[in-house]
Protein backbone atom coordinates (compact mmCIF):
# COMPACT_ATOMS: atom_id res chain seq x y z
CA LEU A 1 9.06 -29.47 4.58
CA PRO A 2 9.33 -25.72 5.87
CA GLY A 3 5.91 -23.95 6.04
CA ARG A 4 5.22 -20.38 4.93
CA SER A 5 2.76 -17.92 5.81
CA MET A 6 0.77 -16.93 3.09
CA ASN A 7 -0.59 -13.62 5.32
CA ALA A 8 1.95 -11.21 7.01
CA HIS A 9 1.32 -10.96 10.61
CA PHE A 10 3.04 -8.90 12.74
CA ILE A 11 3.20 -8.67 16.53
CA SER A 12 2.44 -5.25 17.88
CA ALA A 13 0.87 -3.00 20.06
CA ASN A 14 -2.89 -3.04 19.40
CA ASN A 15 -2.81 0.96 18.04
CA TYR A 16 -0.49 0.22 15.71
CA GLY A 17 -0.74 -1.87 11.97
CA ARG A 18 1.29 -1.95 8.76
CA LEU A 19 1.65 -0.41 5.37
CA ILE A 20 3.24 -2.72 3.04
CA CYS A 21 5.28 -2.17 -0.36
CA ASP A 22 4.49 -4.84 -2.75
CA ASP A 23 5.89 -4.75 -6.13
CA ALA A 24 3.95 -7.73 -7.19
CA ALA A 25 0.27 -6.23 -6.17
CA ASP A 26 -1.65 -4.56 -9.12
CA THR A 27 -3.75 -2.83 -6.69
CA GLY A 28 -3.37 -1.21 -3.07
CA SER A 29 -5.47 -1.88 0.04
CA LEU A 30 -6.96 0.05 2.73
CA THR A 31 -7.77 -1.64 6.67
CA PRO A 32 -10.26 0.35 8.30
CA LYS A 33 -9.00 -0.72 11.81
CA PHE A 34 -5.75 1.77 10.85
CA CYS A 35 -7.18 4.21 8.19
CA HIS A 36 -10.13 6.93 8.05
CA ILE A 37 -12.28 5.47 5.45
CA VAL A 38 -13.27 9.06 3.69
CA HIS A 39 -15.10 7.52 0.68
CA THR A 40 -16.61 3.86 -0.09
CA SER A 41 -17.64 3.14 -3.55
CA GLN A 42 -20.81 1.07 -4.34
CA GLN A 43 -18.06 -0.78 -7.29
CA GLN A 44 -16.67 -3.97 -6.32
CA VAL A 45 -13.67 -5.55 -6.84
CA ASP A 46 -12.80 -9.02 -6.82
CA VAL A 47 -9.41 -9.40 -4.58
CA ASN A 48 -7.56 -12.93 -5.08
CA GLY A 49 -4.20 -12.76 -2.87
CA CYS A 50 -2.07 -15.56 -3.06
CA HIS A 51 -4.65 -18.31 -5.03
CA PRO A 52 -7.58 -17.86 -6.96
CA THR A 53 -9.82 -20.35 -4.37
CA LEU A 54 -9.30 -17.47 -2.07
CA THR A 55 -10.98 -14.99 -4.39
CA LYS A 56 -13.89 -12.70 -2.37
CA SER A 57 -15.03 -9.34 -3.23
CA TYR A 58 -14.35 -5.76 -1.12
CA PHE A 59 -15.56 -2.15 -1.95
CA LEU A 60 -13.41 0.47 -3.23
CA GLY A 61 -12.93 2.95 -1.15
CA SER A 62 -9.98 6.26 -0.03
CA GLY A 63 -9.06 6.40 3.41
CA ILE A 64 -6.01 8.23 5.05
CA THR A 65 -3.62 6.45 7.53
CA ALA A 66 -1.05 8.28 10.09
CA VAL A 67 2.88 7.80 10.34
CA ASP A 68 4.97 8.47 12.83
CA LEU A 69 8.01 9.97 11.50
CA SER A 70 10.82 11.62 13.83
CA SER A 71 9.50 15.15 12.83
CA GLY A 72 6.67 14.19 13.96
CA PRO A 73 2.97 12.48 12.33
CA MET A 74 2.79 12.95 8.26
CA LEU A 75 -0.75 11.73 6.36
CA ILE A 76 -0.69 9.57 3.79
CA GLY A 77 -3.60 8.08 1.41
CA GLN A 78 -4.95 6.39 -1.19
CA HIS A 79 -7.94 6.35 -4.00
CA GLU A 80 -9.83 3.25 -5.40
CA VAL A 81 -8.30 0.70 -3.63
CA PRO A 82 -10.02 -2.38 -1.86
CA ILE A 83 -11.25 -1.49 1.38
CA ILE A 84 -10.67 -4.86 3.23
CA PRO A 85 -12.27 -4.94 7.12
CA GLU A 86 -10.51 -8.00 7.65
CA SER A 87 -7.04 -6.63 7.52
CA ASP A 88 -4.56 -5.42 9.74
CA ILE A 89 -2.45 -3.54 6.79
CA MET A 90 -2.43 -0.69 4.47
CA LEU A 91 -0.88 -2.40 0.95
CA VAL A 92 0.66 -0.35 -1.44
CA SER A 93 1.16 -1.62 -5.29
CA GLU A 94 3.86 0.20 -6.03
CA THR A 95 2.94 0.41 -9.66
CA GLN A 96 -0.29 2.02 -9.35
CA ALA A 97 1.53 4.49 -6.79
CA ARG A 98 4.40 5.12 -9.08
CA CYS A 99 1.31 5.76 -12.16
CA PHE A 100 0.84 8.55 -9.78
CA GLY A 101 4.33 10.07 -9.53
CA ILE A 102 5.35 8.80 -6.69
CA ASP A 103 9.31 8.04 -6.05
CA ILE A 104 8.77 3.81 -4.48
CA ASP A 105 12.27 2.20 -4.00
CA SER A 106 11.69 -0.75 -1.93
CA LYS A 107 15.26 -2.60 -1.91
CA SER A 108 16.13 -3.07 1.55
CA ARG A 109 19.30 -0.56 2.71
CA ARG A 110 20.20 -4.45 3.38
CA PHE A 111 20.81 -4.67 -0.12
CA GLY A 112 22.09 -0.86 -1.75
CA GLY A 113 18.27 0.09 -1.67
CA ARG A 114 17.01 3.51 -0.22
CA ALA A 115 13.85 1.74 1.22
CA SER A 116 11.93 4.79 1.09
CA ILE A 117 8.75 6.17 -0.31
CA ILE A 118 9.93 9.99 -1.41
CA PHE A 119 6.84 12.05 -2.78
CA ASP A 120 7.25 15.35 -5.03
CA ASP A 121 7.71 17.76 -1.69
CA GLN A 122 10.72 15.65 -0.99
CA THR A 123 9.12 14.36 2.18
CA SER A 124 9.83 10.46 2.69
CA ILE A 125 8.66 7.60 4.85
CA PRO A 126 11.23 5.55 5.87
CA LEU A 127 10.50 1.24 4.98
CA ARG A 128 11.97 -1.39 6.97
CA LEU A 129 12.93 -5.19 6.01
CA GLU A 130 10.47 -7.09 8.26
CA HIS A 131 9.40 -10.94 7.69
CA ALA A 132 10.66 -10.11 4.41
CA LEU A 133 8.40 -7.55 3.65
CA MET A 134 8.74 -3.71 2.95
CA THR A 135 6.85 -2.18 6.08
CA CYS A 136 6.02 0.79 7.76
CA PRO A 137 3.84 1.03 10.61
CA ILE A 138 0.55 3.58 10.60
CA ARG A 139 -2.20 4.53 12.88
CA LEU A 140 -5.72 5.56 12.64
CA PRO A 141 -5.47 9.39 12.68
CA ASN A 142 -7.20 11.14 15.15
CA ASP A 143 -9.53 13.89 14.21
CA GLU A 144 -7.05 17.00 14.73
CA GLU A 145 -4.18 15.74 12.38
CA LEU A 146 -7.21 15.00 9.71
CA GLN A 147 -8.34 18.43 10.35
CA ASN A 148 -4.68 20.32 10.12
CA LEU A 149 -2.32 17.96 8.39
CA GLU A 150 -1.58 17.78 4.38
CA VAL A 151 -2.80 14.13 2.90
CA HIS A 152 0.17 12.75 0.51
CA TRP A 153 -1.50 10.46 -1.73
CA LEU A 154 -0.43 7.42 -3.24
CA THR A 155 -2.23 6.59 -5.93
CA ALA A 156 -4.94 9.59 -8.03
CA ASN A 157 -8.30 9.83 -7.31
CA ALA A 158 -9.52 8.11 -10.58
CA PRO A 159 -10.34 4.66 -11.78
CA TRP A 160 -7.55 2.39 -11.83
CA ASP A 161 -7.50 -0.76 -14.33
CA PRO A 162 -4.41 -2.82 -13.82
CA LEU A 163 -5.48 -4.54 -16.86
CA ASP A 164 -4.66 -1.32 -19.15
CA LEU A 165 -1.29 -1.18 -17.90
CA SER A 166 1.45 -3.33 -19.84
CA GLU A 167 4.66 -2.57 -21.69
CA THR A 168 5.03 -3.46 -25.56
CA PHE A 169 6.29 -7.25 -26.66
CA ASP A 170 10.72 -7.31 -25.50
CA SER A 171 12.13 -9.32 -28.23
CA THR A 172 15.49 -9.69 -25.64
CA MET A 173 12.87 -11.71 -23.47
CA PRO A 174 14.29 -15.14 -23.82
CA VAL A 175 10.80 -16.48 -23.77
CA PRO A 176 7.88 -14.54 -24.70
CA LEU A 177 5.01 -13.89 -22.33
């Protein structure tokens, strides 16, 4: 049988990691390798990536990463997400970001989408289909960027509980959940 990778692996320069937009994730995450951590909470959450036997506890925090756009560098950040030291990715929960008012179209241009994260000021970050995931290269911001550039936040600086977010039953669904 063909194998499938359970972890995203990207070949890139040591200076770049990946932002991955995930419509199935109930929370985002930060990587200290490519995100400047601005706050670490004492609160921990259990993160279960693909199977309950792989569950591990991580501290929540806030962090900022840099994206190199053709117009220059841009800073983006997330609040209230797990900090995963062994990861090379910054995971963006599309639902968590949408609850904060961020417009994410993670449908690839190949399939007729915009493939972008769009902020209220119309600043946008292009996404690219890479290994069947919508991604964007990220890097650790430098001190000058942290001091001089505005941070575009993807999530609210408030507690996030995905268990509080459910829609009412839809009677048109063939099998009730």
